[in-house]
Amino acid sequence: MDAFNPPPYLAHPVVQTMAGSLRLRARGLTSLERSTRLKIIETGQGVKLQAAISGSRTGKGPGAILLHGWEGSFNSAYVVTTARFLFENGWQVARINFRDHGDTHHLNQGLFYASRLEEVYDSIVYLCSKWHDSPIILCGFSLGGNFALRTALAMCRGQAPIPNLAHVLAISPVIDPAKTTIAVDQTKLIRGYFLRKWRKSLKKKQQAHPGRYDFDQILKMRRIEEITSALLKRYSPFKDTRDYFETYTLTGSRLAPLRTPTTIVSAADDPIIPVGDISGLKTGPAVRKIVLRHGGHNGFLPGLKADAWYFQYLKRLGRDLQ
């Protein structure tokens, strides 16, 4: 395992997990925010996704596209702090909001499902085309890591090519969503965190599309799996959670065809992604797996306001690409 040793007060995996999303880590106005413009990207299916784009001072340098986790946004602390670090080191940075994340519930009538890869893929293609002279790293966190890995897989299967996508970095990626859902429901603090965010999101969706959705009974449910099952039954084409989860499960040898250089970073003590999900992956030579002893889920913080462990890894990747 690579070395990462947080101080004792930050060593607990749930503390690492919650600390990664602390808003105080992203407070303040920096050169990143002053250089950011918002863009609505309309995909081939007529879906609209929002991106925050920050070009470098020189208009050159490597590019990074960042994908947040479930019920996060492009303003989540772990996304913003990563974007700031890269931007301050000369990178061009784009952050994408998934459907129904951030303040985008009004943009599309249909609900967000993790199975909706095509609209995210189209948005990545669009952003990479704007920086066609720059090598691009696609960096995803948690569910965003799952999307990043599936993007690389989609290229292997004949989707629109992304010639300048040079590397995929997946931080604490969801591999087996069925196991992840169980893990979230079993940890009271983490379950409460996601329930609060998901209920708030569903209320926004209901308000944005009056008459289309009625989540009143669903909002009273107290487990992630229960809400997922109810939403699928009422508003989706999926038979059940098993049918749905299968659309974005990446277990076994599913990542073996990857040809784009890829790094997966996870922690042995991740309370959401069982370490066996990562160690059990059968991958080819394009994939490197880094499993740290500590780090929780999307954490990897040596201090509450310190740079995450993977920042320097990104910096090294950027040097190698230039």
Protein backbone atom coordinates (compact mmCIF):
# COMPACT_ATOMS: atom_id res chain seq x y z
CA MET A 1 0.00 0.00 0.00
CA ASP A 2 1.21 3.55 -0.70
CA ALA A 3 1.92 5.74 2.31
CA PHE A 4 -0.76 8.02 3.74
CA ASN A 5 -0.82 8.53 7.49
CA PRO A 6 -3.36 11.08 8.77
CA PRO A 7 -3.05 12.45 12.32
CA PRO A 8 -4.97 10.51 15.00
CA TYR A 9 -7.84 13.00 15.15
CA LEU A 10 -8.46 12.44 11.42
CA ALA A 11 -7.67 8.76 11.19
CA HIS A 12 -11.18 7.35 11.68
CA PRO A 13 -12.67 6.46 8.27
CA VAL A 14 -16.01 8.18 8.95
CA VAL A 15 -14.16 11.34 10.07
CA GLN A 16 -12.10 11.27 6.86
CA THR A 17 -15.28 10.77 4.84
CA MET A 18 -17.18 13.65 6.42
CA ALA A 19 -14.13 15.96 6.45
CA GLY A 20 -13.75 15.66 2.68
CA SER A 21 -17.09 17.43 2.22
CA LEU A 22 -16.65 20.14 4.87
CA ARG A 23 -17.68 23.47 3.38
CA LEU A 24 -15.02 25.37 5.33
CA ARG A 25 -12.42 23.74 3.08
CA ALA A 26 -13.83 25.53 0.05
CA ARG A 27 -14.65 28.93 1.56
CA GLY A 28 -13.32 32.13 0.05
CA LEU A 29 -13.03 33.69 -3.38
CA THR A 30 -9.92 32.71 -5.31
CA SER A 31 -8.54 33.14 -8.81
CA LEU A 32 -10.44 29.99 -9.80
CA GLU A 33 -13.83 31.53 -9.01
CA ARG A 34 -12.91 34.83 -10.67
CA SER A 35 -11.97 32.97 -13.84
CA THR A 36 -14.98 30.66 -13.96
CA ARG A 37 -17.85 30.92 -16.40
CA LEU A 38 -20.98 28.78 -16.38
CA LYS A 39 -22.03 26.92 -19.48
CA ILE A 40 -25.19 24.94 -20.27
CA ILE A 41 -24.19 22.02 -22.48
CA GLU A 42 -27.01 20.55 -24.57
CA THR A 43 -26.28 16.94 -25.39
CA GLY A 44 -27.32 14.85 -28.36
CA GLN A 45 -30.45 13.70 -26.55
CA GLY A 46 -31.56 17.26 -25.82
CA VAL A 47 -30.51 16.94 -22.19
CA LYS A 48 -29.00 20.03 -20.59
CA LEU A 49 -26.10 19.75 -18.14
CA GLN A 50 -24.32 22.63 -16.45
CA ALA A 51 -20.54 23.04 -16.38
CA ALA A 52 -18.22 25.47 -14.62
CA ILE A 53 -15.26 26.20 -16.89
CA SER A 54 -12.01 27.86 -15.79
CA GLY A 55 -9.43 28.44 -18.51
CA SER A 56 -5.79 28.86 -17.50
CA ARG A 57 -4.12 32.27 -17.51
CA THR A 58 -2.22 31.38 -20.67
CA GLY A 59 -5.00 29.42 -22.35
CA LYS A 60 -2.61 26.47 -22.48
CA GLY A 61 -1.54 23.68 -20.17
CA PRO A 62 -3.16 20.35 -19.36
CA GLY A 63 -6.88 20.17 -18.77
CA ALA A 64 -8.93 18.45 -16.09
CA ILE A 65 -12.61 17.56 -16.10
CA LEU A 66 -13.97 16.86 -12.61
CA LEU A 67 -17.04 14.72 -11.84
CA HIS A 68 -18.61 14.95 -8.38
CA GLY A 69 -20.20 12.20 -6.34
CA TRP A 70 -23.86 11.38 -5.76
CA GLU A 71 -25.81 14.30 -4.25
CA GLY A 72 -22.72 16.47 -4.54
CA SER A 73 -22.17 19.18 -7.13
CA PHE A 74 -19.41 21.03 -8.92
CA ASN A 75 -19.29 23.24 -5.81
CA SER A 76 -18.70 20.35 -3.39
CA ALA A 77 -15.67 20.96 -1.20
CA TYR A 78 -13.65 18.03 -2.56
CA VAL A 79 -14.31 19.20 -6.14
CA VAL A 80 -13.64 22.89 -5.56
CA THR A 81 -10.42 22.33 -3.60
CA THR A 82 -9.14 19.98 -6.30
CA ALA A 83 -10.08 22.49 -9.02
CA ARG A 84 -8.34 25.33 -7.16
CA PHE A 85 -5.15 23.33 -6.75
CA LEU A 86 -5.03 22.42 -10.42
CA PHE A 87 -5.94 25.92 -11.63
CA GLU A 88 -3.25 27.51 -9.46
CA ASN A 89 -0.76 25.11 -11.01
CA GLY A 90 -1.56 26.20 -14.55
CA TRP A 91 -4.32 23.76 -15.49
CA GLN A 92 -7.51 24.44 -17.39
CA VAL A 93 -10.38 23.03 -15.32
CA ALA A 94 -14.00 22.14 -16.03
CA ARG A 95 -16.51 20.79 -13.49
CA ILE A 96 -19.75 19.13 -14.59
CA ASN A 97 -23.01 18.98 -12.64
CA PHE A 98 -24.90 15.75 -13.20
CA ARG A 99 -28.61 16.04 -13.92
CA ASP A 100 -30.56 17.13 -10.79
CA HIS A 101 -27.38 18.08 -8.91
CA GLY A 102 -26.44 21.54 -7.77
CA ASP A 103 -29.21 23.93 -8.77
CA THR A 104 -30.10 22.23 -12.06
CA HIS A 105 -33.34 20.40 -11.23
CA HIS A 106 -35.29 22.66 -13.59
CA LEU A 107 -33.14 21.93 -16.66
CA ASN A 108 -34.53 18.47 -17.43
CA GLN A 109 -37.87 16.87 -16.68
CA GLY A 110 -36.61 13.32 -16.25
CA LEU A 111 -34.99 12.17 -13.01
CA PHE A 112 -31.28 11.52 -12.52
CA TYR A 113 -30.24 7.88 -12.71
CA ALA A 114 -26.65 6.66 -12.53
CA SER A 115 -27.39 4.66 -15.67
CA ARG A 116 -27.53 7.90 -17.69
CA LEU A 117 -23.95 7.76 -19.00
CA GLU A 118 -24.59 9.05 -22.52
CA GLU A 119 -25.44 12.63 -21.52
CA VAL A 120 -22.33 12.85 -19.33
CA TYR A 121 -20.22 11.31 -22.07
CA ASP A 122 -21.48 13.87 -24.59
CA SER A 123 -20.62 16.68 -22.20
CA ILE A 124 -17.08 15.34 -21.75
CA VAL A 125 -16.67 15.08 -25.53
CA TYR A 126 -17.79 18.71 -25.87
CA LEU A 127 -15.37 19.99 -23.23
CA CYS A 128 -12.45 17.98 -24.57
CA SER A 129 -13.10 19.35 -28.06
CA LYS A 130 -12.78 22.90 -26.73
CA TRP A 131 -9.30 22.04 -25.39
CA HIS A 132 -8.33 19.84 -28.31
CA ASP A 133 -4.68 20.93 -28.18
CA SER A 134 -4.33 19.93 -24.50
CA PRO A 135 -4.09 16.51 -22.87
CA ILE A 136 -7.09 16.00 -20.59
CA ILE A 137 -7.38 14.11 -17.31
CA LEU A 138 -10.86 12.96 -16.33
CA CYS A 139 -11.10 12.84 -12.55
CA GLY A 140 -14.19 11.44 -10.84
CA PHE A 141 -15.09 11.05 -7.19
CA SER A 142 -17.23 8.21 -5.81
CA LEU A 143 -20.17 7.90 -8.24
CA GLY A 144 -18.28 10.37 -10.45
CA GLY A 145 -15.40 7.89 -10.44
CA ASN A 146 -17.81 5.26 -11.68
CA PHE A 147 -18.89 7.60 -14.49
CA ALA A 148 -15.23 8.28 -15.35
CA LEU A 149 -14.43 4.58 -15.59
CA ARG A 150 -17.51 3.92 -17.71
CA THR A 151 -16.52 6.80 -19.99
CA ALA A 152 -13.20 5.09 -20.70
CA LEU A 153 -15.04 1.80 -21.26
CA ALA A 154 -17.48 3.46 -23.66
CA MET A 155 -14.58 4.58 -25.85
CA CYS A 156 -13.47 0.94 -26.10
CA ARG A 157 -16.95 0.04 -27.30
CA GLY A 158 -17.08 2.48 -30.17
CA GLN A 159 -18.53 5.64 -28.65
CA ALA A 160 -17.41 8.98 -30.13
CA PRO A 161 -13.62 9.09 -29.71
CA ILE A 162 -11.96 11.52 -27.31
CA PRO A 163 -8.43 11.75 -28.78
CA ASN A 164 -7.00 14.02 -26.09
CA LEU A 165 -8.32 12.09 -23.07
CA ALA A 166 -4.94 11.11 -21.68
CA HIS A 167 -5.74 9.66 -18.25
CA VAL A 168 -8.65 8.68 -16.02
CA LEU A 169 -8.36 9.08 -12.26
CA ALA A 170 -11.12 7.51 -10.16
CA ILE A 171 -11.14 8.46 -6.46
CA SER A 172 -13.11 6.06 -4.23
CA PRO A 173 -15.18 4.88 -7.23
CA VAL A 174 -18.45 3.02 -6.83
CA ILE A 175 -17.86 -0.48 -8.18
CA ASP A 176 -20.78 -2.52 -6.83
CA PRO A 177 -23.73 -0.15 -6.21
CA ALA A 178 -25.75 -2.83 -4.42
CA LYS A 179 -23.01 -3.25 -1.80
CA THR A 180 -22.47 0.50 -1.59
CA THR A 181 -26.16 1.12 -0.89
CA ILE A 182 -26.11 -1.44 1.91
CA ALA A 183 -22.95 0.12 3.37
CA VAL A 184 -24.46 3.61 3.37
CA ASP A 185 -27.64 2.39 5.06
CA GLN A 186 -25.63 0.57 7.74
CA THR A 187 -23.67 3.64 8.89
CA LYS A 188 -26.09 5.96 10.68
CA LEU A 189 -24.10 9.18 10.30
CA ILE A 190 -23.43 8.66 6.60
CA ARG A 191 -26.99 7.51 5.93
CA GLY A 192 -28.36 10.64 7.64
CA TYR A 193 -26.05 12.84 5.58
CA PHE A 194 -27.21 11.39 2.27
CA LEU A 195 -30.87 11.27 3.30
CA ARG A 196 -30.84 14.99 4.11
CA LYS A 197 -29.25 15.85 0.78
CA TRP A 198 -31.45 13.51 -1.27
CA ARG A 199 -34.68 14.71 0.35
CA LYS A 200 -33.69 18.31 -0.35
CA SER A 201 -32.93 17.38 -3.97
CA LEU A 202 -36.26 15.58 -4.45
CA LYS A 203 -38.15 18.56 -3.04
CA LYS A 204 -36.38 20.82 -5.57
CA LYS A 205 -37.32 18.47 -8.40
CA GLN A 206 -40.95 18.35 -7.31
CA GLN A 207 -41.11 22.16 -7.10
CA ALA A 208 -39.43 22.57 -10.50
CA HIS A 209 -41.93 20.24 -12.21
CA PRO A 210 -45.28 20.62 -10.44
CA GLY A 211 -47.78 17.94 -11.35
CA ARG A 212 -45.07 15.64 -12.72
CA TYR A 213 -43.75 14.30 -9.42
CA ASP A 214 -45.23 13.51 -6.03
CA PHE A 215 -42.56 12.50 -3.55
CA ASP A 216 -44.56 13.18 -0.38
CA GLN A 217 -44.66 9.54 0.76
CA ILE A 218 -41.17 8.78 -0.50
CA LEU A 219 -39.74 11.66 1.53
CA LYS A 220 -40.90 9.92 4.70
CA MET A 221 -38.81 6.83 4.01
CA ARG A 222 -35.70 6.36 6.12
CA ARG A 223 -33.36 4.15 4.12
CA ILE A 224 -31.53 4.76 0.84
CA GLU A 225 -32.43 1.35 -0.57
CA GLU A 226 -36.12 1.88 0.27
CA ILE A 227 -36.26 5.26 -1.48
CA THR A 228 -34.35 3.93 -4.48
CA SER A 229 -36.75 1.02 -4.86
CA ALA A 230 -39.82 3.27 -4.58
CA LEU A 231 -38.53 5.77 -7.15
CA LEU A 232 -37.61 3.04 -9.61
CA LYS A 233 -40.99 1.37 -9.28
CA ARG A 234 -42.92 4.60 -9.84
CA TYR A 235 -40.78 6.63 -12.23
CA SER A 236 -38.39 4.37 -14.13
CA PRO A 237 -38.34 1.56 -16.71
CA PHE A 238 -36.30 -0.66 -14.37
CA LYS A 239 -37.93 -3.74 -12.83
CA ASP A 240 -36.20 -3.35 -9.48
CA THR A 241 -32.98 -2.21 -7.80
CA ARG A 242 -31.10 -5.27 -9.06
CA ASP A 243 -32.02 -4.44 -12.65
CA TYR A 244 -31.00 -0.80 -12.13
CA PHE A 245 -27.73 -1.44 -10.27
CA GLU A 246 -26.62 -3.81 -13.01
CA THR A 247 -26.46 -0.87 -15.46
CA TYR A 248 -23.49 0.65 -13.65
CA THR A 249 -21.87 -2.25 -11.83
CA LEU A 250 -18.14 -2.61 -12.64
CA THR A 251 -17.19 -5.77 -10.78
CA GLY A 252 -15.05 -8.69 -11.93
CA SER A 253 -13.40 -8.29 -15.33
CA ARG A 254 -15.64 -5.50 -16.66
CA LEU A 255 -12.75 -3.02 -16.62
CA ALA A 256 -10.35 -5.43 -18.34
CA PRO A 257 -10.90 -3.90 -21.84
CA LEU A 258 -9.71 -0.44 -20.71
CA ARG A 259 -6.99 1.02 -22.94
CA THR A 260 -6.90 4.59 -21.61
CA PRO A 261 -4.30 4.91 -18.83
CA THR A 262 -6.33 4.75 -15.62
CA THR A 263 -5.62 5.06 -11.90
CA ILE A 264 -8.02 3.95 -9.19
CA VAL A 265 -7.39 5.36 -5.72
CA SER A 266 -9.25 3.87 -2.78
CA ALA A 267 -8.83 3.24 0.95
CA ALA A 268 -8.87 -0.07 2.79
CA ASP A 269 -10.99 1.57 5.49
CA ASP A 270 -13.56 3.13 3.11
CA PRO A 271 -16.92 2.82 4.93
CA ILE A 272 -18.88 3.03 1.65
CA ILE A 273 -16.81 1.08 -0.89
CA PRO A 274 -15.72 -2.34 0.46
CA VAL A 275 -11.99 -2.78 -0.20
CA GLY A 276 -12.76 -6.14 -1.81
CA ASP A 277 -14.62 -4.31 -4.57
CA ILE A 278 -11.31 -2.72 -5.63
CA SER A 279 -8.89 -5.57 -4.92
CA GLY A 280 -11.21 -8.01 -6.69
CA LEU A 281 -11.14 -6.11 -9.98
CA LYS A 282 -9.50 -7.94 -12.88
CA THR A 283 -7.80 -5.27 -14.95
CA GLY A 284 -5.30 -5.03 -17.77
CA PRO A 285 -1.97 -3.17 -18.02
CA ALA A 286 -3.67 0.22 -18.56
CA VAL A 287 -5.03 0.27 -14.99
CA ARG A 288 -3.14 0.98 -11.77
CA LYS A 289 -4.88 0.37 -8.45
CA ILE A 290 -3.70 2.29 -5.38
CA VAL A 291 -5.23 1.12 -2.10
CA LEU A 292 -4.20 3.26 0.88
CA ARG A 293 -4.52 1.97 4.43
CA HIS A 294 -6.42 5.10 5.53
CA GLY A 295 -8.48 7.77 3.80
CA GLY A 296 -12.12 6.84 4.25
CA HIS A 297 -14.35 7.73 1.31
CA ASN A 298 -13.25 10.74 -0.75
CA GLY A 299 -11.07 11.84 2.16
CA PHE A 300 -7.30 11.29 2.06
CA LEU A 301 -6.78 14.44 4.15
CA PRO A 302 -3.64 14.96 6.27
CA GLY A 303 -5.36 18.00 7.86
CA LEU A 304 -8.74 19.72 7.77
CA LYS A 305 -7.46 22.49 5.50
CA ALA A 306 -4.56 20.58 3.95
CA ASP A 307 -4.24 19.37 0.38
CA ALA A 308 -5.63 15.90 -0.19
CA TRP A 309 -3.12 13.12 -0.82
CA TYR A 310 -4.12 12.75 -4.46
CA PHE A 311 -3.37 16.41 -5.33
CA GLN A 312 0.32 15.63 -5.74
CA TYR A 313 -0.54 12.54 -7.76
CA LEU A 314 -2.51 14.76 -10.15
CA LYS A 315 0.40 17.19 -10.30
CA ARG A 316 2.76 14.37 -11.28
CA LEU A 317 0.34 13.19 -13.95
CA GLY A 318 0.24 16.71 -15.35
CA ARG A 319 4.04 16.89 -15.55
CA ASP A 320 4.17 13.53 -17.31
CA LEU A 321 1.68 14.74 -19.93
CA GLN A 322 3.59 17.88 -20.86
